[in-house]
Amino acid sequence: MLRGRPPFTMLGSVEVLDPHIHIEPTPVNEIEPSIPIELANLTMRLLDKDVNKCPQTMQAVMDGLNEIASYTEMLIPEPSLAA
């Protein structure tokens, strides 16, 4: 929820489903300009309709987030499998 709201806001489930399949969401940094462009780009890749353009693994997402975080000198901790 980087944007402060869902990408599509319609009333019914069918109304919400159709845009998720057919409409490109507005880039997050156009709605919230304080979002760094690198994070906005990663977010838009995660939302891409073409699965081949999306990060293929959670490790790829973590790598992208850690690269972004390195600009601010704070790393995202690796997730723990222990409960």
N, C-alpha and C. Protein backbone atom coordinates (compact mmCIF):
# COMPACT_ATOMS: atom_id res chain seq x y z
N MET A 1 0.83 -1.19 0.00
CA MET A 1 0.00 0.00 0.00
C MET A 1 0.88 1.26 0.00
N LEU A 2 1.88 1.25 -0.83
CA LEU A 2 2.74 2.42 -0.96
C LEU A 2 1.96 3.66 -1.33
N ARG A 3 0.91 3.47 -2.09
CA ARG A 3 0.13 4.59 -2.61
C ARG A 3 -0.91 5.10 -1.63
N GLY A 4 -1.13 4.36 -0.55
CA GLY A 4 -2.16 4.77 0.41
C GLY A 4 -3.54 4.29 0.03
N ARG A 5 -3.63 3.52 -1.06
CA ARG A 5 -4.91 2.97 -1.50
C ARG A 5 -4.63 1.82 -2.47
N PRO A 6 -5.61 0.92 -2.66
CA PRO A 6 -5.41 -0.17 -3.62
C PRO A 6 -5.26 0.38 -5.04
N PRO A 7 -4.67 -0.42 -5.95
CA PRO A 7 -4.47 0.06 -7.32
C PRO A 7 -5.78 0.33 -8.05
N PHE A 8 -6.81 -0.43 -7.73
CA PHE A 8 -8.11 -0.23 -8.37
C PHE A 8 -9.17 -0.25 -7.29
N THR A 9 -10.07 0.71 -7.32
CA THR A 9 -11.11 0.79 -6.30
C THR A 9 -12.48 0.81 -6.97
N MET A 10 -13.05 -0.37 -7.07
CA MET A 10 -14.39 -0.51 -7.62
C MET A 10 -15.26 -1.17 -6.55
N LEU A 11 -16.53 -1.31 -6.82
CA LEU A 11 -17.45 -1.84 -5.83
C LEU A 11 -17.49 -3.36 -5.76
N GLY A 12 -17.73 -4.03 -6.87
CA GLY A 12 -17.91 -5.47 -6.86
C GLY A 12 -16.66 -6.24 -7.24
N SER A 13 -16.66 -7.55 -6.95
CA SER A 13 -15.47 -8.36 -7.23
C SER A 13 -15.17 -8.44 -8.72
N VAL A 14 -16.19 -8.54 -9.57
CA VAL A 14 -15.96 -8.57 -11.01
C VAL A 14 -15.40 -7.24 -11.48
N GLU A 15 -15.90 -6.15 -10.92
CA GLU A 15 -15.41 -4.82 -11.29
C GLU A 15 -13.95 -4.64 -10.90
N VAL A 16 -13.53 -5.29 -9.81
CA VAL A 16 -12.15 -5.19 -9.36
C VAL A 16 -11.26 -6.11 -10.19
N LEU A 17 -11.76 -7.28 -10.54
CA LEU A 17 -10.97 -8.26 -11.29
C LEU A 17 -10.59 -7.77 -12.68
N ASP A 18 -11.52 -7.20 -13.40
CA ASP A 18 -11.27 -6.78 -14.78
C ASP A 18 -10.08 -5.82 -14.90
N PRO A 19 -10.01 -4.76 -14.12
CA PRO A 19 -8.84 -3.86 -14.23
C PRO A 19 -7.53 -4.55 -13.87
N HIS A 20 -7.56 -5.48 -12.92
CA HIS A 20 -6.33 -6.19 -12.57
C HIS A 20 -5.80 -6.97 -13.76
N ILE A 21 -6.67 -7.40 -14.63
CA ILE A 21 -6.27 -8.17 -15.80
C ILE A 21 -5.93 -7.27 -16.99
N HIS A 22 -6.68 -6.17 -17.17
CA HIS A 22 -6.60 -5.41 -18.42
C HIS A 22 -6.04 -3.99 -18.33
N ILE A 23 -6.00 -3.39 -17.17
CA ILE A 23 -5.62 -1.98 -17.06
C ILE A 23 -4.32 -1.83 -16.27
N GLU A 24 -3.41 -1.04 -16.82
CA GLU A 24 -2.17 -0.75 -16.11
C GLU A 24 -2.45 0.24 -14.99
N PRO A 25 -1.98 -0.05 -13.76
CA PRO A 25 -2.18 0.91 -12.68
C PRO A 25 -1.34 2.17 -12.88
N THR A 26 -1.77 3.24 -12.28
CA THR A 26 -1.00 4.48 -12.31
C THR A 26 0.30 4.25 -11.55
N PRO A 27 1.44 4.67 -12.08
CA PRO A 27 2.70 4.51 -11.35
C PRO A 27 2.61 5.10 -9.95
N VAL A 28 3.15 4.35 -8.99
CA VAL A 28 3.00 4.75 -7.59
C VAL A 28 3.62 6.10 -7.30
N ASN A 29 4.71 6.45 -7.99
CA ASN A 29 5.35 7.74 -7.71
C ASN A 29 4.59 8.91 -8.33
N GLU A 30 3.64 8.63 -9.21
CA GLU A 30 2.77 9.71 -9.70
C GLU A 30 1.71 10.05 -8.65
N ILE A 31 1.34 9.09 -7.86
CA ILE A 31 0.34 9.31 -6.81
C ILE A 31 1.02 9.82 -5.54
N GLU A 32 2.19 9.25 -5.24
CA GLU A 32 2.95 9.65 -4.05
C GLU A 32 4.37 9.97 -4.47
N PRO A 33 4.64 11.25 -4.82
CA PRO A 33 5.94 11.63 -5.36
C PRO A 33 7.13 11.38 -4.43
N SER A 34 6.89 11.18 -3.14
CA SER A 34 8.00 10.96 -2.21
C SER A 34 8.57 9.54 -2.32
N ILE A 35 7.90 8.65 -3.04
CA ILE A 35 8.40 7.29 -3.21
C ILE A 35 9.60 7.32 -4.16
N PRO A 36 10.73 6.77 -3.74
CA PRO A 36 11.91 6.77 -4.61
C PRO A 36 11.60 6.07 -5.94
N ILE A 37 12.16 6.57 -7.02
CA ILE A 37 11.89 6.04 -8.35
C ILE A 37 12.26 4.56 -8.44
N GLU A 38 13.33 4.15 -7.77
CA GLU A 38 13.74 2.74 -7.80
C GLU A 38 12.67 1.85 -7.17
N LEU A 39 12.10 2.29 -6.06
CA LEU A 39 11.03 1.53 -5.41
C LEU A 39 9.77 1.55 -6.26
N ALA A 40 9.49 2.67 -6.87
CA ALA A 40 8.33 2.77 -7.77
C ALA A 40 8.50 1.81 -8.95
N ASN A 41 9.70 1.75 -9.51
CA ASN A 41 9.96 0.85 -10.64
C ASN A 41 9.80 -0.62 -10.24
N LEU A 42 10.33 -1.00 -9.08
CA LEU A 42 10.18 -2.37 -8.60
C LEU A 42 8.70 -2.70 -8.38
N THR A 43 7.99 -1.77 -7.78
CA THR A 43 6.56 -1.98 -7.53
C THR A 43 5.81 -2.18 -8.83
N MET A 44 6.11 -1.38 -9.83
CA MET A 44 5.42 -1.52 -11.11
C MET A 44 5.79 -2.83 -11.81
N ARG A 45 7.03 -3.30 -11.62
CA ARG A 45 7.39 -4.61 -12.17
C ARG A 45 6.59 -5.71 -11.48
N LEU A 46 6.35 -5.57 -10.18
CA LEU A 46 5.55 -6.55 -9.45
C LEU A 46 4.10 -6.56 -9.93
N LEU A 47 3.62 -5.42 -10.40
CA LEU A 47 2.24 -5.30 -10.86
C LEU A 47 2.08 -5.54 -12.36
N ASP A 48 3.17 -5.81 -13.06
CA ASP A 48 3.12 -5.95 -14.52
C ASP A 48 2.19 -7.08 -14.93
N LYS A 49 1.45 -6.87 -16.00
CA LYS A 49 0.52 -7.88 -16.52
C LYS A 49 1.28 -9.04 -17.16
N ASP A 50 2.47 -8.81 -17.68
CA ASP A 50 3.29 -9.83 -18.30
C ASP A 50 4.15 -10.50 -17.22
N VAL A 51 3.83 -11.74 -16.89
CA VAL A 51 4.54 -12.43 -15.80
C VAL A 51 6.03 -12.56 -16.07
N ASN A 52 6.44 -12.51 -17.34
CA ASN A 52 7.85 -12.61 -17.67
C ASN A 52 8.62 -11.34 -17.30
N LYS A 53 7.91 -10.24 -17.08
CA LYS A 53 8.54 -8.99 -16.67
C LYS A 53 8.58 -8.83 -15.16
N CYS A 54 7.81 -9.65 -14.46
CA CYS A 54 7.77 -9.61 -13.00
C CYS A 54 8.99 -10.32 -12.42
N PRO A 55 9.44 -9.92 -11.22
CA PRO A 55 10.49 -10.71 -10.57
C PRO A 55 9.99 -12.15 -10.44
N GLN A 56 10.85 -13.11 -10.74
CA GLN A 56 10.44 -14.51 -10.78
C GLN A 56 10.51 -15.23 -9.44
N THR A 57 11.22 -14.64 -8.48
CA THR A 57 11.34 -15.27 -7.16
C THR A 57 11.26 -14.19 -6.08
N MET A 58 10.98 -14.63 -4.87
CA MET A 58 11.01 -13.69 -3.75
C MET A 58 12.44 -13.22 -3.50
N GLN A 59 13.41 -14.07 -3.81
CA GLN A 59 14.81 -13.65 -3.66
C GLN A 59 15.11 -12.47 -4.58
N ALA A 60 14.55 -12.48 -5.79
CA ALA A 60 14.75 -11.37 -6.72
C ALA A 60 14.12 -10.10 -6.16
N VAL A 61 12.97 -10.23 -5.51
CA VAL A 61 12.32 -9.07 -4.88
C VAL A 61 13.19 -8.57 -3.73
N MET A 62 13.67 -9.50 -2.89
CA MET A 62 14.54 -9.10 -1.77
C MET A 62 15.81 -8.42 -2.27
N ASP A 63 16.40 -8.96 -3.34
CA ASP A 63 17.61 -8.35 -3.90
C ASP A 63 17.31 -6.93 -4.36
N GLY A 64 16.18 -6.74 -5.03
CA GLY A 64 15.79 -5.41 -5.47
C GLY A 64 15.57 -4.46 -4.30
N LEU A 65 14.89 -4.95 -3.26
CA LEU A 65 14.66 -4.12 -2.08
C LEU A 65 15.96 -3.79 -1.37
N ASN A 66 16.86 -4.77 -1.27
CA ASN A 66 18.15 -4.51 -0.62
C ASN A 66 18.98 -3.51 -1.42
N GLU A 67 18.91 -3.59 -2.74
CA GLU A 67 19.63 -2.61 -3.56
C GLU A 67 19.08 -1.21 -3.32
N ILE A 68 17.76 -1.11 -3.25
CA ILE A 68 17.13 0.19 -2.96
C ILE A 68 17.50 0.66 -1.55
N ALA A 69 17.45 -0.27 -0.60
CA ALA A 69 17.77 0.09 0.78
C ALA A 69 19.22 0.52 0.94
N SER A 70 20.10 -0.02 0.12
CA SER A 70 21.52 0.34 0.24
C SER A 70 21.75 1.82 -0.04
N TYR A 71 20.85 2.43 -0.82
CA TYR A 71 20.96 3.87 -1.06
C TYR A 71 20.75 4.65 0.23
N THR A 72 19.97 4.09 1.14
CA THR A 72 19.72 4.77 2.41
C THR A 72 20.49 4.13 3.55
N GLU A 73 21.38 3.17 3.19
CA GLU A 73 22.25 2.50 4.16
C GLU A 73 21.50 1.69 5.19
N MET A 74 20.35 1.16 4.83
CA MET A 74 19.67 0.24 5.75
C MET A 74 19.27 -0.99 4.97
N LEU A 75 19.70 -2.15 5.45
CA LEU A 75 19.41 -3.38 4.75
C LEU A 75 18.15 -4.04 5.31
N ILE A 76 17.45 -4.73 4.45
CA ILE A 76 16.25 -5.45 4.84
C ILE A 76 16.72 -6.81 5.35
N PRO A 77 16.32 -7.20 6.57
CA PRO A 77 16.79 -8.48 7.10
C PRO A 77 16.21 -9.65 6.30
N GLU A 78 17.02 -10.73 6.23
CA GLU A 78 16.54 -11.94 5.58
C GLU A 78 15.39 -12.50 6.43
N PRO A 79 14.34 -13.02 5.80
CA PRO A 79 13.23 -13.59 6.56
C PRO A 79 13.68 -14.84 7.29
N SER A 80 13.16 -15.03 8.48
CA SER A 80 13.49 -16.19 9.28
C SER A 80 12.45 -17.27 9.06
N LEU A 81 12.89 -18.50 8.91
CA LEU A 81 11.96 -19.61 8.76
C LEU A 81 11.51 -20.13 10.11
N ALA A 82 12.23 -19.78 11.18
CA ALA A 82 11.85 -20.23 12.52
C ALA A 82 10.66 -19.41 13.02
N ALA A 83 9.75 -20.08 13.70
CA ALA A 83 8.57 -19.39 14.22
C ALA A 83 8.82 -18.81 15.58
